Amino acid sequence: MGLDFTAIDFETANSSNASACAVGLARVRDGRVVASEGWLIRPPAGHDRFFEINVGIHGIRESDVASAATWVEQLPRLLDFVGDDILVAHNAGFDMRVLRSACEVTGHVAPPARYLCSLHVARKTYDLPSYRLPFVAAAAGHLDFAHHDATADALACAQIVIDAGARAGAGDLVELAMLLGVRIPQIPQPVPASAS
């Protein structure tokens, strides 16, 4: 088994974790990016208002997603791309909350995926004044990407973990986490109501 995973990045329409308006994905096999995809998402009803602060960050407006697939419509495509991979994201807690929250508000159960945070990996790998994605990506040799474009961010995240894996001499993601002393948790699943 090599360094295999899928990097993921979400952009949101507003302060709601359920307001996913774009996703970017990058599949890594044996330490190389072999596929990447990204698309716009129409956020779930009730979580679909676009705040100017968010638009100012990623440039996506309500009119841009008017004809995009809804969260429910695009979920199978997302899950198909990810498969059984461990997910990797920069500040992964945010992206996993988006995935879980958007599923919850639409009546779906988020996949029980395991995930690794590239921010935690970066802090154990590089000595930097800032661990924001552009600074860490530059340290990994990945320069000049369109920050806050979901696909570009996923690709940058993938390159960070690939570089960290090479520096640590890790054969796979689990070994990398072990060598660096970081966790690979699992997206929490809802607790079924007990039968009375």
Protein backbone atom coordinates (compact mmCIF):
# COMPACT_ATOMS: atom_id res chain seq x y z
CA MET A 1 0.00 0.00 0.00
CA GLY A 2 1.35 3.41 -0.96
CA LEU A 3 0.47 6.96 -0.03
CA ASP A 4 -3.20 6.79 -1.12
CA PHE A 5 -5.92 9.27 -0.12
CA THR A 6 -8.40 11.84 -1.40
CA ALA A 7 -7.90 15.52 -0.55
CA ILE A 8 -11.13 17.49 -0.20
CA ASP A 9 -12.02 21.16 0.16
CA PHE A 10 -15.40 22.85 0.59
CA GLU A 11 -16.41 26.47 0.17
CA THR A 12 -19.52 27.69 1.99
CA ALA A 13 -22.16 30.29 1.17
CA ASN A 14 -22.48 31.61 4.72
CA SER A 15 -21.64 30.85 8.36
CA SER A 16 -23.72 27.64 8.37
CA ASN A 17 -21.62 24.49 8.15
CA ALA A 18 -24.36 23.04 5.94
CA SER A 19 -24.03 25.76 3.28
CA ALA A 20 -21.62 23.96 0.91
CA CYS A 21 -21.50 25.84 -2.40
CA ALA A 22 -18.42 24.21 -3.98
CA VAL A 23 -16.27 21.13 -3.53
CA GLY A 24 -12.83 20.24 -4.82
CA LEU A 25 -11.32 16.76 -4.79
CA ALA A 26 -7.88 15.35 -5.59
CA ARG A 27 -7.19 11.60 -5.66
CA VAL A 28 -3.67 10.48 -4.73
CA ARG A 29 -2.27 7.05 -5.52
CA ASP A 30 1.23 6.01 -4.45
CA GLY A 31 2.18 9.61 -3.68
CA ARG A 32 0.97 11.11 -6.97
CA VAL A 33 -2.17 13.04 -7.89
CA VAL A 34 -3.94 10.88 -10.46
CA ALA A 35 -7.30 12.69 -10.72
CA SER A 36 -8.95 15.91 -9.62
CA GLU A 37 -12.45 17.28 -9.92
CA GLY A 38 -14.51 20.12 -8.58
CA TRP A 39 -17.97 21.56 -9.03
CA LEU A 40 -20.45 24.08 -7.71
CA ILE A 41 -23.24 23.00 -5.36
CA ARG A 42 -26.63 24.56 -4.70
CA PRO A 43 -26.64 24.66 -0.88
CA PRO A 44 -29.48 22.98 1.04
CA ALA A 45 -32.69 25.02 1.48
CA GLY A 46 -32.53 27.20 4.56
CA HIS A 47 -28.72 27.32 4.28
CA ASP A 48 -28.57 28.89 0.83
CA ARG A 49 -28.18 32.60 1.53
CA PHE A 50 -24.85 34.00 0.30
CA PHE A 51 -23.10 36.30 2.77
CA GLU A 52 -20.94 39.05 1.30
CA ILE A 53 -18.01 38.04 3.51
CA ASN A 54 -18.07 34.53 2.02
CA VAL A 55 -18.50 35.83 -1.53
CA GLY A 56 -15.54 38.12 -0.90
CA ILE A 57 -13.42 35.09 0.00
CA HIS A 58 -14.29 32.67 -2.81
CA GLY A 59 -16.13 34.81 -5.39
CA ILE A 60 -19.07 32.40 -5.73
CA ARG A 61 -22.49 34.10 -5.87
CA GLU A 62 -26.03 32.78 -5.63
CA SER A 63 -26.46 33.27 -9.38
CA ASP A 64 -23.43 31.02 -10.00
CA VAL A 65 -25.09 28.03 -8.31
CA ALA A 66 -28.66 28.62 -9.55
CA SER A 67 -28.43 25.74 -12.04
CA ALA A 68 -25.90 23.64 -10.06
CA ALA A 69 -26.78 20.24 -8.63
CA THR A 70 -28.21 20.32 -5.11
CA TRP A 71 -26.34 18.75 -2.20
CA VAL A 72 -28.54 15.65 -2.46
CA GLU A 73 -28.12 15.41 -6.25
CA GLN A 74 -24.34 15.70 -6.15
CA LEU A 75 -23.69 13.55 -3.05
CA PRO A 76 -23.43 10.23 -4.96
CA ARG A 77 -20.85 11.79 -7.30
CA LEU A 78 -18.80 13.00 -4.33
CA LEU A 79 -18.99 9.64 -2.55
CA ASP A 80 -18.11 7.79 -5.76
CA PHE A 81 -14.97 9.91 -6.21
CA VAL A 82 -13.88 9.39 -2.60
CA GLY A 83 -14.61 5.66 -2.43
CA ASP A 84 -13.03 4.11 0.69
CA ASP A 85 -10.17 6.60 0.85
CA ILE A 86 -9.02 8.42 3.94
CA LEU A 87 -9.93 12.07 3.41
CA VAL A 88 -7.34 14.81 3.81
CA ALA A 89 -8.18 18.49 4.27
CA HIS A 90 -6.42 21.61 5.52
CA ASN A 91 -8.16 22.43 8.79
CA ALA A 92 -10.08 19.19 8.33
CA GLY A 93 -12.49 19.82 11.19
CA PHE A 94 -14.18 22.50 9.08
CA ASP A 95 -14.53 20.36 5.95
CA MET A 96 -15.77 17.32 7.89
CA ARG A 97 -18.38 19.52 9.65
CA VAL A 98 -19.55 20.76 6.24
CA LEU A 99 -19.86 17.20 4.94
CA ARG A 100 -21.67 16.00 8.05
CA SER A 101 -23.93 19.06 8.44
CA ALA A 102 -25.04 19.21 4.79
CA CYS A 103 -25.90 15.51 5.00
CA GLU A 104 -27.79 15.93 8.27
CA VAL A 105 -29.95 18.84 7.10
CA THR A 106 -30.91 16.91 3.95
CA GLY A 107 -31.78 13.70 5.81
CA HIS A 108 -28.67 11.75 4.83
CA VAL A 109 -26.01 10.09 6.94
CA ALA A 110 -22.47 11.30 6.28
CA PRO A 111 -20.04 8.58 5.20
CA PRO A 112 -18.09 7.07 8.13
CA ALA A 113 -14.88 8.28 6.51
CA ARG A 114 -11.58 8.56 8.33
CA TYR A 115 -9.70 11.80 7.85
CA LEU A 116 -6.33 13.45 8.36
CA CYS A 117 -5.76 17.17 8.85
CA SER A 118 -2.96 18.57 6.68
CA LEU A 119 -2.74 21.56 9.04
CA HIS A 120 -1.68 19.21 11.86
CA VAL A 121 0.71 17.46 9.47
CA ALA A 122 2.18 20.81 8.42
CA ARG A 123 2.81 21.93 12.01
CA LYS A 124 4.83 18.74 12.60
CA THR A 125 6.69 18.98 9.28
CA TYR A 126 7.57 22.62 8.60
CA ASP A 127 8.79 25.58 10.67
CA LEU A 128 6.72 28.45 9.28
CA PRO A 129 5.49 31.86 10.48
CA SER A 130 1.99 30.95 9.27
CA TYR A 131 0.31 27.63 8.56
CA ARG A 132 -2.33 29.04 6.24
CA LEU A 133 -2.71 26.92 3.12
CA PRO A 134 -0.72 29.18 0.70
CA PHE A 135 2.29 29.33 3.04
CA VAL A 136 2.34 25.59 3.69
CA ALA A 137 1.78 24.76 0.01
CA ALA A 138 4.76 26.99 -0.87
CA ALA A 139 6.91 25.14 1.68
CA ALA A 140 5.87 21.90 -0.06
CA GLY A 141 6.93 23.37 -3.43
CA HIS A 142 3.38 24.01 -4.66
CA LEU A 143 3.35 27.66 -5.69
CA ASP A 144 0.91 30.13 -7.23
CA PHE A 145 -2.48 28.46 -6.99
CA ALA A 146 -5.91 30.07 -6.87
CA HIS A 147 -6.54 30.03 -3.10
CA HIS A 148 -10.23 29.52 -2.22
CA ASP A 149 -10.91 27.77 -5.51
CA ALA A 150 -12.03 24.44 -4.05
CA THR A 151 -10.20 22.25 -6.58
CA ALA A 152 -7.01 24.31 -6.37
CA ASP A 153 -7.13 24.11 -2.57
CA ALA A 154 -7.65 20.34 -2.64
CA LEU A 155 -4.67 19.96 -4.98
CA ALA A 156 -2.53 22.15 -2.72
CA CYS A 157 -3.58 20.11 0.30
CA ALA A 158 -2.68 16.89 -1.54
CA GLN A 159 0.78 18.22 -2.39
CA ILE A 160 1.42 19.14 1.26
CA VAL A 161 0.69 15.61 2.44
CA ILE A 162 2.67 14.06 -0.43
CA ASP A 163 5.67 16.24 0.49
CA ALA A 164 5.29 15.53 4.21
CA GLY A 165 5.08 11.81 3.47
CA ALA A 166 8.29 11.94 1.43
CA ARG A 167 10.11 13.95 4.11
CA ALA A 168 9.01 11.51 6.84
CA GLY A 169 9.73 8.43 4.72
CA ALA A 170 6.18 7.20 5.30
CA GLY A 171 4.90 4.27 3.25
CA ASP A 172 1.25 5.18 3.74
CA LEU A 173 -1.03 7.68 5.46
CA VAL A 174 -1.36 5.65 8.68
CA GLU A 175 2.42 5.44 9.00
CA LEU A 176 2.73 9.19 8.32
CA ALA A 177 0.24 9.95 11.09
CA MET A 178 2.08 7.61 13.45
CA LEU A 179 5.50 9.11 12.65
CA LEU A 180 4.22 12.67 13.18
CA GLY A 181 2.04 11.89 16.19
CA VAL A 182 -1.23 13.04 14.62
CA ARG A 183 -4.61 11.35 14.66
CA ILE A 184 -6.77 9.91 11.89
CA PRO A 185 -10.26 10.20 13.43
CA GLN A 186 -13.55 9.15 11.86
CA ILE A 187 -16.54 11.33 11.00
CA PRO A 188 -18.91 10.81 13.94
CA GLN A 189 -22.04 8.87 13.11
CA PRO A 190 -25.47 9.60 14.58
CA VAL A 191 -26.37 7.50 17.58
CA PRO A 192 -29.48 5.44 16.82
CA ALA A 193 -32.41 6.07 19.14
CA SER A 194 -32.68 3.21 21.62
CA ALA A 195 -35.70 0.99 21.32
CA SER A 196 -38.11 1.35 24.24
